[in-house]
C-alpha atoms as a PDB file:
ATOM      1  CA  MET A   1      -3.099-132.043  98.699  1.00  0.00           C
ATOM      2  CA  THR A   2      -6.113-132.249  96.371  1.00  0.00           C
ATOM      3  CA  VAL A   3      -7.089-135.573  97.922  1.00  0.00           C
ATOM      4  CA  THR A   4      -6.648-134.077 101.405  1.00  0.00           C
ATOM      5  CA  ALA A   5      -8.916-131.174 100.452  1.00  0.00           C
ATOM      6  CA  ALA A   6     -11.521-133.630  99.156  1.00  0.00           C
ATOM      7  CA  VAL A   7     -11.421-135.609 102.415  1.00  0.00           C
ATOM      8  CA  LEU A   8     -11.811-132.435 104.476  1.00  0.00           C
ATOM      9  CA  ALA A   9     -14.725-131.362 102.268  1.00  0.00           C
ATOM     10  CA  GLU A  10     -16.451-134.684 102.868  1.00  0.00           C
ATOM     11  CA  ILE A  11     -15.877-134.419 106.628  1.00  0.00           C
ATOM     12  CA  CYS A  12     -17.313-130.897 106.641  1.00  0.00           C
ATOM     13  CA  SER A  13     -20.385-132.037 104.734  1.00  0.00           C
ATOM     14  CA  ALA A  14     -20.841-135.017 107.061  1.00  0.00           C
ATOM     15  CA  LEU A  15     -20.449-132.778 110.141  1.00  0.00           C
ATOM     16  CA  PRO A  16     -22.124-129.487 109.195  1.00  0.00           C
ATOM     17  CA  LEU A  17     -21.150-127.727 112.422  1.00  0.00           C
ATOM     18  CA  SER A  18     -19.775-124.257 112.963  1.00  0.00           C
ATOM     19  CA  GLY A  19     -16.424-123.998 114.671  1.00  0.00           C
ATOM     20  CA  SER A  20     -12.962-125.167 113.795  1.00  0.00           C
ATOM     21  CA  ILE A  21     -11.190-128.421 113.090  1.00  0.00           C
ATOM     22  CA  TYR A  22     -11.266-129.324 116.778  1.00  0.00           C
ATOM     23  CA  ILE A  23     -15.054-129.590 116.567  1.00  0.00           C
ATOM     24  CA  TRP A  24     -14.845-132.192 113.809  1.00  0.00           C
ATOM     25  CA  ALA A  25     -12.047-134.028 115.610  1.00  0.00           C
ATOM     26  CA  ALA A  26     -14.073-134.105 118.838  1.00  0.00           C
ATOM     27  CA  GLU A  27     -17.138-135.367 117.022  1.00  0.00           C
ATOM     28  CA  ALA A  28     -15.157-138.123 115.292  1.00  0.00           C
ATOM     29  CA  ALA A  29     -13.389-139.204 118.516  1.00  0.00           C
ATOM     30  CA  GLY A  30     -16.421-140.804 120.133  1.00  0.00           C
ATOM     31  CA  GLY A  31     -15.917-141.397 123.870  1.00  0.00           C
ATOM     32  CA  HIS A  32     -12.698-139.371 123.984  1.00  0.00           C
ATOM     33  CA  SER A  33     -14.211-136.300 122.352  1.00  0.00           C
ATOM     34  CA  ARG A  34     -13.159-133.751 124.993  1.00  0.00           C
ATOM     35  CA  LEU A  35      -9.577-135.014 125.158  1.00  0.00           C
ATOM     36  CA  ILE A  36      -9.130-135.017 121.389  1.00  0.00           C
ATOM     37  CA  GLY A  37     -10.906-131.672 121.127  1.00  0.00           C
ATOM     38  CA  TYR A  38      -8.512-130.019 123.580  1.00  0.00           C
ATOM     39  CA  VAL A  39      -5.384-131.447 121.955  1.00  0.00           C
ATOM     40  CA  VAL A  40      -6.480-130.603 118.412  1.00  0.00           C
ATOM     41  CA  ALA A  41      -7.552-127.116 119.518  1.00  0.00           C
ATOM     42  CA  TRP A  42      -4.052-126.466 120.879  1.00  0.00           C
ATOM     43  CA  TRP A  43      -2.525-127.857 117.684  1.00  0.00           C
ATOM     44  CA  ALA A  44      -4.738-125.661 115.521  1.00  0.00           C
ATOM     45  CA  CYS A  45      -4.106-122.523 117.599  1.00  0.00           C
ATOM     46  CA  THR A  46      -0.342-123.045 117.497  1.00  0.00           C
ATOM     47  CA  ALA A  47      -0.436-123.855 113.789  1.00  0.00           C
ATOM     48  CA  TRP A  48      -2.253-120.622 112.966  1.00  0.00           C
ATOM     49  CA  MET A  49       0.133-118.531 115.071  1.00  0.00           C
ATOM     50  CA  THR A  50       3.243-120.088 113.567  1.00  0.00           C
ATOM     51  CA  PHE A  51       1.738-120.034 110.082  1.00  0.00           C
ATOM     52  CA  CYS A  52       0.994-116.316 110.312  1.00  0.00           C
ATOM     53  CA  ALA A  53       4.512-115.588 111.565  1.00  0.00           C
ATOM     54  CA  SER A  54       6.171-117.781 108.930  1.00  0.00           C
ATOM     55  CA  VAL A  55       4.136-116.235 106.100  1.00  0.00           C
ATOM     56  CA  CYS A  56       5.111-112.720 107.180  1.00  0.00           C
ATOM     57  CA  GLN A  57       8.778-113.639 107.487  1.00  0.00           C
ATOM     58  CA  ASN A  58       8.782-115.501 104.172  1.00  0.00           C
ATOM     59  CA  ALA A  59       7.223-112.484 102.485  1.00  0.00           C
ATOM     60  CA  ALA A  60       9.923-110.278 103.990  1.00  0.00           C
ATOM     61  CA  ASN A  61      12.668-112.669 102.876  1.00  0.00           C
ATOM     62  CA  HIS A  62      11.205-112.823  99.382  1.00  0.00           C
ATOM     63  CA  LEU A  63      11.091-109.051  99.128  1.00  0.00           C
ATOM     64  CA  LEU A  64      14.597-108.591 100.523  1.00  0.00           C
ATOM     65  CA  SER A  65      15.978-111.163  98.093  1.00  0.00           C
ATOM     66  CA  VAL A  66      15.633-108.461  95.444  1.00  0.00           C
ATOM     67  CA  LEU A  67      18.551-106.709  97.147  1.00  0.00           C
ATOM     68  CA  VAL A  68      20.716-109.743  96.460  1.00  0.00           C
ATOM     69  CA  VAL A  69      19.597-109.943  92.833  1.00  0.00           C
ATOM     70  CA  TYR A  70      20.497-106.328  92.176  1.00  0.00           C
ATOM     71  CA  GLU A  71      23.656-106.556  94.325  1.00  0.00           C
ATOM     72  CA  VAL A  72      22.679-103.737  96.666  1.00  0.00           C
ATOM     73  CA  ASP A  73      25.383-102.864  99.164  1.00  0.00           C
ATOM     74  CA  PHE A  74      23.949-103.311 102.665  1.00  0.00           C
ATOM     75  CA  PRO A  75      25.900-102.573 105.867  1.00  0.00           C
ATOM     76  CA  GLY A  76      27.068-105.836 107.359  1.00  0.00           C
ATOM     77  CA  GLY A  77      26.061-107.909 104.335  1.00  0.00           C
ATOM     78  CA  LEU A  78      22.827-109.516 103.199  1.00  0.00           C
ATOM     79  CA  THR A  79      23.136-112.605 105.395  1.00  0.00           C
ATOM     80  CA  ASN A  80      21.554-113.817 108.610  1.00  0.00           C
ATOM     81  CA  ASN A  81      24.917-113.409 110.304  1.00  0.00           C
ATOM     82  CA  SER A  82      24.408-109.648 110.121  1.00  0.00           C
ATOM     83  CA  ILE A  83      22.434-108.228 113.040  1.00  0.00           C
ATOM     84  CA  LYS A  84      21.391-105.225 110.969  1.00  0.00           C
ATOM     85  CA  PHE A  85      19.992-107.408 108.204  1.00  0.00           C
ATOM     86  CA  ARG A  86      18.119-109.549 110.709  1.00  0.00           C
ATOM     87  CA  ALA A  87      16.677-106.413 112.279  1.00  0.00           C
ATOM     88  CA  LEU A  88      15.554-105.250 108.845  1.00  0.00           C
ATOM     89  CA  THR A  89      13.931-108.635 108.176  1.00  0.00           C
ATOM     90  CA  TRP A  90      12.155-108.517 111.545  1.00  0.00           C
ATOM     91  CA  ALA A  91      10.895-104.958 110.983  1.00  0.00           C
ATOM     92  CA  LEU A  92       9.585-105.794 107.520  1.00  0.00           C
ATOM     93  CA  SER A  93       7.917-108.942 108.869  1.00  0.00           C
ATOM     94  CA  GLU A  94       6.153-106.856 111.516  1.00  0.00           C
ATOM     95  CA  ILE A  95       4.887-104.509 108.804  1.00  0.00           C
ATOM     96  CA  PHE A  96       3.416-107.437 106.900  1.00  0.00           C
ATOM     97  CA  LEU A  97       1.890-108.744 110.133  1.00  0.00           C
ATOM     98  CA  PHE A  98       0.293-105.353 110.800  1.00  0.00           C
ATOM     99  CA  ILE A  99      -1.184-105.361 107.292  1.00  0.00           C
ATOM    100  CA  CYS A 100      -2.598-108.866 107.810  1.00  0.00           C
ATOM    101  CA  ILE A 101      -4.159-107.946 111.150  1.00  0.00           C
ATOM    102  CA  SER A 102      -5.557-104.648 109.863  1.00  0.00           C
ATOM    103  CA  LEU A 103      -7.503-106.492 107.162  1.00  0.00           C
ATOM    104  CA  ASN A 104      -9.685-108.007 109.899  1.00  0.00           C
ATOM    105  CA  TYR A 105     -10.964-104.551 110.825  1.00  0.00           C
ATOM    106  CA  LEU A 106     -12.162-103.657 107.344  1.00  0.00           C
ATOM    107  CA  PRO A 107     -15.903-103.598 106.599  1.00  0.00           C
ATOM    108  CA  GLN A 108     -17.249-107.007 105.699  1.00  0.00           C
ATOM    109  CA  LYS A 109     -18.490-105.803 102.330  1.00  0.00           C
ATOM    110  CA  TRP A 110     -14.860-105.241 101.310  1.00  0.00           C
ATOM    111  CA  TYR A 111     -13.878-108.870 101.874  1.00  0.00           C
ATOM    112  CA  SER A 112     -15.321-109.976  98.564  1.00  0.00           C
ATOM    113  CA  TRP A 113     -13.066-107.574  96.682  1.00  0.00           C
ATOM    114  CA  ILE A 114     -10.065-108.597  98.783  1.00  0.00           C
ATOM    115  CA  PHE A 115     -10.621-112.248  97.903  1.00  0.00           C
ATOM    116  CA  LYS A 116     -11.121-111.409  94.235  1.00  0.00           C
ATOM    117  CA  GLY A 117      -7.955-109.318  94.202  1.00  0.00           C
ATOM    118  CA  SER A 118      -6.015-112.127  95.869  1.00  0.00           C
ATOM    119  CA  MET A 119      -7.264-114.607  93.283  1.00  0.00           C
ATOM    120  CA  CYS A 120      -6.228-112.241  90.481  1.00  0.00           C
ATOM    121  CA  LEU A 121      -2.708-111.994  91.928  1.00  0.00           C
ATOM    122  CA  MET A 122      -2.451-115.786  92.178  1.00  0.00           C
ATOM    123  CA  LEU A 123      -3.648-116.157  88.582  1.00  0.00           C
ATOM    124  CA  VAL A 124      -1.039-113.657  87.428  1.00  0.00           C
ATOM    125  CA  ASP A 125       1.630-115.584  89.328  1.00  0.00           C
ATOM    126  CA  THR A 126       0.439-118.840  87.750  1.00  0.00           C
ATOM    127  CA  LEU A 127       0.580-117.351  84.259  1.00  0.00           C
ATOM    128  CA  LEU A 128       4.088-116.022  84.889  1.00  0.00           C
ATOM    129  CA  ASN A 129       5.204-119.473  86.017  1.00  0.00           C
ATOM    130  CA  LEU A 130       3.692-121.062  82.918  1.00  0.00           C
ATOM    131  CA  ILE A 131       4.903-118.453  80.416  1.00  0.00           C
ATOM    132  CA  TRP A 132       7.759-116.313  81.664  1.00  0.00           C
ATOM    133  CA  LEU A 133       9.588-118.918  83.774  1.00  0.00           C
ATOM    134  CA  PRO A 134       9.975-121.533  80.973  1.00  0.00           C
ATOM    135  CA  ILE A 135      11.174-118.847  78.588  1.00  0.00           C
ATOM    136  CA  GLY A 136      13.739-117.639  81.101  1.00  0.00           C
ATOM    137  CA  VAL A 137      14.937-121.191  81.777  1.00  0.00           C
ATOM    138  CA  SER A 138      15.275-122.010  78.069  1.00  0.00           C
ATOM    139  CA  ARG A 139      17.393-118.902  77.518  1.00  0.00           C
ATOM    140  CA  THR A 140      19.758-119.561  80.439  1.00  0.00           C
ATOM    141  CA  TYR A 141      20.660-122.938  81.949  1.00  0.00           C
ATOM    142  CA  GLY A 142      18.065-124.977  80.020  1.00  0.00           C
ATOM    143  CA  PHE A 143      15.557-127.629  81.046  1.00  0.00           C
ATOM    144  CA  ARG A 144      16.436-130.861  82.781  1.00  0.00           C
ATOM    145  CA  ASN A 145      15.978-134.152  80.994  1.00  0.00           C
ATOM    146  CA  ALA A 146      13.569-136.846  82.156  1.00  0.00           C
ATOM    147  CA  SER A 147      16.306-138.851  83.858  1.00  0.00           C
ATOM    148  CA  GLU A 148      17.327-135.917  86.044  1.00  0.00           C
ATOM    149  CA  VAL A 149      13.739-135.094  86.941  1.00  0.00           C
ATOM    150  CA  PHE A 150      12.558-138.579  87.917  1.00  0.00           C
ATOM    151  CA  THR A 151      15.687-140.410  89.078  1.00  0.00           C
ATOM    152  CA  SER A 152      18.196-137.868  90.387  1.00  0.00           C
ATOM    153  CA  GLN A 153      18.088-136.413  93.876  1.00  0.00           C
ATOM    154  CA  TYR A 154      19.796-133.664  95.816  1.00  0.00           C
ATOM    155  CA  ASN A 155      20.430-134.415  99.452  1.00  0.00           C
ATOM    156  CA  GLY A 156      21.514-131.115 100.945  1.00  0.00           C
ATOM    157  CA  THR A 157      20.731-132.120 104.523  1.00  0.00           C
ATOM    158  CA  GLY A 158      23.131-135.026 104.896  1.00  0.00           C
ATOM    159  CA  ALA A 159      20.279-137.420 105.688  1.00  0.00           C
ATOM    160  CA  PRO A 160      20.879-141.121 105.010  1.00  0.00           C
ATOM    161  CA  ALA A 161      20.189-142.244 101.455  1.00  0.00           C
ATOM    162  CA  GLY A 162      17.614-144.713 102.796  1.00  0.00           C
ATOM    163  CA  TRP A 163      15.540-141.857 104.213  1.00  0.00           C
ATOM    164  CA  MET A 164      15.466-140.049 100.883  1.00  0.00           C
ATOM    165  CA  LEU A 165      14.599-143.262  99.018  1.00  0.00           C
ATOM    166  CA  SER A 166      11.850-144.100 101.519  1.00  0.00           C
ATOM    167  CA  VAL A 167      10.230-140.691 101.142  1.00  0.00           C
ATOM    168  CA  ARG A 168      10.340-140.965  97.363  1.00  0.00           C
ATOM    169  CA  ARG A 169       8.815-144.445  97.352  1.00  0.00           C
ATOM    170  CA  HIS A 170       6.025-143.381  99.682  1.00  0.00           C
ATOM    171  CA  CYS A 171       5.242-140.358  97.498  1.00  0.00           C
ATOM    172  CA  ILE A 172       5.084-142.552  94.387  1.00  0.00           C
ATOM    173  CA  TYR A 173       2.919-145.083  96.224  1.00  0.00           C
ATOM    174  CA  VAL A 174       0.506-142.420  97.413  1.00  0.00           C
ATOM    175  CA  ALA A 175       0.289-140.891  93.941  1.00  0.00           C
ATOM    176  CA  CYS A 176      -0.370-144.275  92.298  1.00  0.00           C
ATOM    177  CA  LEU A 177      -2.973-145.226  94.901  1.00  0.00           C
ATOM    178  CA  SER A 178      -4.751-141.909  94.387  1.00  0.00           C
ATOM    179  CA  TRP A 179      -4.719-142.300  90.595  1.00  0.00           C
ATOM    180  CA  ARG A 180      -5.873-145.893  90.732  1.00  0.00           C
ATOM    181  CA  ASN A 181      -8.929-145.113  92.818  1.00  0.00           C
ATOM    182  CA  SER A 182      -9.837-141.752  91.313  1.00  0.00           C
ATOM    183  CA  ASP A 183     -11.991-143.227  88.514  1.00  0.00           C
ATOM    184  CA  ASP A 184     -13.842-146.088  90.098  1.00  0.00           C
ATOM    185  CA  CYS A 185     -14.595-145.107  93.685  1.00  0.00           C
ATOM    186  CA  SER A 186     -16.209-142.264  95.542  1.00  0.00           C
ATOM    187  CA  ILE A 187     -14.867-140.677  98.671  1.00  0.00           C
ATOM    188  CA  CYS A 188     -18.057-141.355 100.539  1.00  0.00           C
ATOM    189  CA  SER A 189     -18.169-145.126  99.857  1.00  0.00           C
ATOM    190  CA  ASP A 190     -14.542-146.224  99.875  1.00  0.00           C
ATOM    191  CA  ARG A 191     -11.474-145.759 102.038  1.00  0.00           C
ATOM    192  CA  PRO A 192      -8.507-145.308  99.657  1.00  0.00           C
ATOM    193  CA  PHE A 193      -8.764-141.539  99.772  1.00  0.00           C
ATOM    194  CA  TYR A 194      -8.521-141.594 103.551  1.00  0.00           C
ATOM    195  CA  ILE A 195      -5.499-143.878 103.344  1.00  0.00           C
ATOM    196  CA  VAL A 196      -3.865-141.550 100.828  1.00  0.00           C
ATOM    197  CA  THR A 197      -4.564-138.548 103.038  1.00  0.00           C
ATOM    198  CA  PHE A 198      -3.181-140.275 106.123  1.00  0.00           C
ATOM    199  CA  LEU A 199       0.004-141.468 104.397  1.00  0.00           C
ATOM    200  CA  TRP A 200       0.654-138.175 102.667  1.00  0.00           C
ATOM    201  CA  ASN A 201       0.233-136.096 105.807  1.00  0.00           C
ATOM    202  CA  CYS A 202       2.443-138.530 107.731  1.00  0.00           C
ATOM    203  CA  ILE A 203       5.180-137.897 105.165  1.00  0.00           C
ATOM    204  CA  VAL A 204       4.655-134.142 105.427  1.00  0.00           C
ATOM    205  CA  PHE A 205       4.718-134.284 109.220  1.00  0.00           C
ATOM    206  CA  ALA A 206       7.890-136.388 109.256  1.00  0.00           C
ATOM    207  CA  THR A 207       9.525-133.877 106.948  1.00  0.00           C
ATOM    208  CA  TYR A 208       8.518-130.922 109.089  1.00  0.00           C
ATOM    209  CA  ILE A 209       9.953-132.372 112.287  1.00  0.00           C
ATOM    210  CA  SER A 210      13.143-133.743 110.741  1.00  0.00           C
ATOM    211  CA  PRO A 211      16.455-132.104 111.686  1.00  0.00           C
ATOM    212  CA  PHE A 212      17.791-129.447 109.367  1.00  0.00           C
ATOM    213  CA  TYR A 213      21.106-131.231 109.009  1.00  0.00           C
ATOM    214  CA  PHE A 214      22.276-134.801 109.587  1.00  0.00           C
ATOM    215  CA  PRO A 215      23.898-135.752 111.871  1.00  0.00           C
ATOM    216  CA  VAL A 216      22.733-133.278 114.500  1.00  0.00           C
ATOM    217  CA  LYS A 217      25.874-132.072 116.242  1.00  0.00           C
ATOM    218  CA  THR A 218      24.995-128.452 116.969  1.00  0.00           C
ATOM    219  CA  ALA A 219      21.899-126.471 117.869  1.00  0.00           C
ATOM    220  CA  ALA A 220      21.769-125.081 114.319  1.00  0.00           C
ATOM    221  CA  GLY A 221      20.773-128.492 112.968  1.00  0.00           C
ATOM    222  CA  PHE A 222      18.112-129.216 115.575  1.00  0.00           C
ATOM    223  CA  ASN A 223      14.492-128.691 114.582  1.00  0.00           C
ATOM    224  CA  CYS A 224      12.707-127.010 117.495  1.00  0.00           C
ATOM    225  CA  SER A 225       9.308-127.904 116.061  1.00  0.00           C
ATOM    226  CA  VAL A 226       9.565-131.267 117.842  1.00  0.00           C
ATOM    227  CA  VAL A 227       9.797-129.523 121.206  1.00  0.00           C
ATOM    228  CA  ILE A 228       6.986-127.121 120.331  1.00  0.00           C
ATOM    229  CA  PHE A 229       4.724-129.948 119.181  1.00  0.00           C
ATOM    230  CA  ALA A 230       5.367-131.966 122.341  1.00  0.00           C
ATOM    231  CA  ALA A 231       4.809-128.939 124.589  1.00  0.00           C
ATOM    232  CA  VAL A 232       1.560-128.003 122.872  1.00  0.00           C
ATOM    233  CA  THR A 233       0.307-131.574 123.193  1.00  0.00           C
ATOM    234  CA  ILE A 234       1.105-131.524 126.906  1.00  0.00           C
ATOM    235  CA  PHE A 235      -0.760-128.219 127.257  1.00  0.00           C
ATOM    236  CA  GLY A 236      -3.784-129.826 125.631  1.00  0.00           C
ATOM    237  CA  LEU A 237      -3.649-132.769 128.044  1.00  0.00           C
ATOM    238  CA  LEU A 238      -3.312-130.452 131.042  1.00  0.00           C
ATOM    239  CA  CYS A 239      -6.256-128.334 129.908  1.00  0.00           C
ATOM    240  CA  TRP A 240      -8.366-131.456 129.495  1.00  0.00           C
ATOM    241  CA  TRP A 241      -7.375-132.695 132.964  1.00  0.00           C
ATOM    242  CA  PHE A 242      -7.814-129.454 134.939  1.00  0.00           C
ATOM    243  CA  THR A 243     -10.715-127.837 133.077  1.00  0.00           C
ATOM    244  CA  LYS A 244     -14.176-128.735 134.270  1.00  0.00           C
ATOM    245  CA  PRO A 245     -16.293-130.538 131.669  1.00  0.00           C
ATOM    246  CA  GLU A 246     -19.094-127.988 131.951  1.00  0.00           C
ATOM    247  CA  THR A 247     -16.868-125.051 130.965  1.00  0.00           C
ATOM    248  CA  TRP A 248     -15.781-126.144 127.471  1.00  0.00           C
ATOM    249  CA  LEU A 249     -16.991-128.872 125.115  1.00  0.00           C
ATOM    250  CA  ARG A 250     -19.742-129.918 127.482  1.00  0.00           C
ATOM    251  CA  ARG A 251     -21.179-133.386 127.137  1.00  0.00           C
ATOM    252  CA  ASP A 252     -24.652-132.060 126.368  1.00  0.00           C
ATOM    253  CA  MET A 253     -23.224-129.899 123.598  1.00  0.00           C
ATOM    254  CA  LEU A 254     -21.388-132.880 122.120  1.00  0.00           C
ATOM    255  CA  ASN A 255     -24.568-134.947 122.273  1.00  0.00           C
ATOM    256  CA  THR A 256     -26.458-132.156 120.530  1.00  0.00           C
ATOM    257  CA  MET A 257     -23.829-132.013 117.799  1.00  0.00           C
ATOM    258  CA  HIS A 258     -24.081-135.756 117.338  1.00  0.00           C
ATOM    259  CA  GLU A 259     -27.876-135.636 117.118  1.00  0.00           C
ATOM    260  CA  GLU A 260     -27.739-132.797 114.572  1.00  0.00           C
ATOM    261  CA  THR A 261     -25.335-134.689 112.352  1.00  0.00           C
ATOM    262  CA  GLU A 262     -27.465-137.852 112.519  1.00  0.00           C
ATOM    263  CA  ARG A 263     -30.690-136.009 111.738  1.00  0.00           C
ATOM    264  CA  PRO A 264     -31.690-136.349 108.049  1.00  0.00           C
ATOM    265  CA  HIS A 265     -31.776-133.045 106.159  1.00  0.00           C
END
């Protein structure tokens, strides 16, 4: 992810344009700038919507997991099979969503303190993971040895062993390629960082769209993200086909962006 962040930083510096990732994708697409811009814009919009929803639900699940730790008696049980528990999770997720949205209406001068407070919370969490978590592990079930960490695997999805081995080999290859080129090449003059970013994100994408369980025999094991991704891509293609070029991402605007990026600063 650090290499991916470095690649994105270099792209942003090479294309100093205001907008979103679809602007950079359109600029890098050349003759197919409008098509790529529409598709990437739909991807980005859907990603932000699903990301916001997943973060709120994950926060609710994390908070409600305290009930399990302290063995709180909840009507119907603390499982997703209970309608009451699912309703509680949904309600708490909506509260977190309301808090996230309300932050956008705060005065801009408060944002600096919000970011600083968020960084302080993340630092506290990092310190707890580095100090409290190892102490707790050493006092309970103990640390794993090197063999368990680097050679063992847990396949809870039922996926073929070849799939798990392939993912592991690709991760090791990407890590070695990144380490090998980190000392003797720059991101602006060589391509290994782009290769690492492409391979790593392909692995991440393949993981995200993989079924929850193998083999897929019921709807519970099917990953609906494949359908969502395909539908969003089709929406992007339809928008590109039916929307007039002068209404969004006009050719003159794209030419202006290209001239601005080529102009020496």
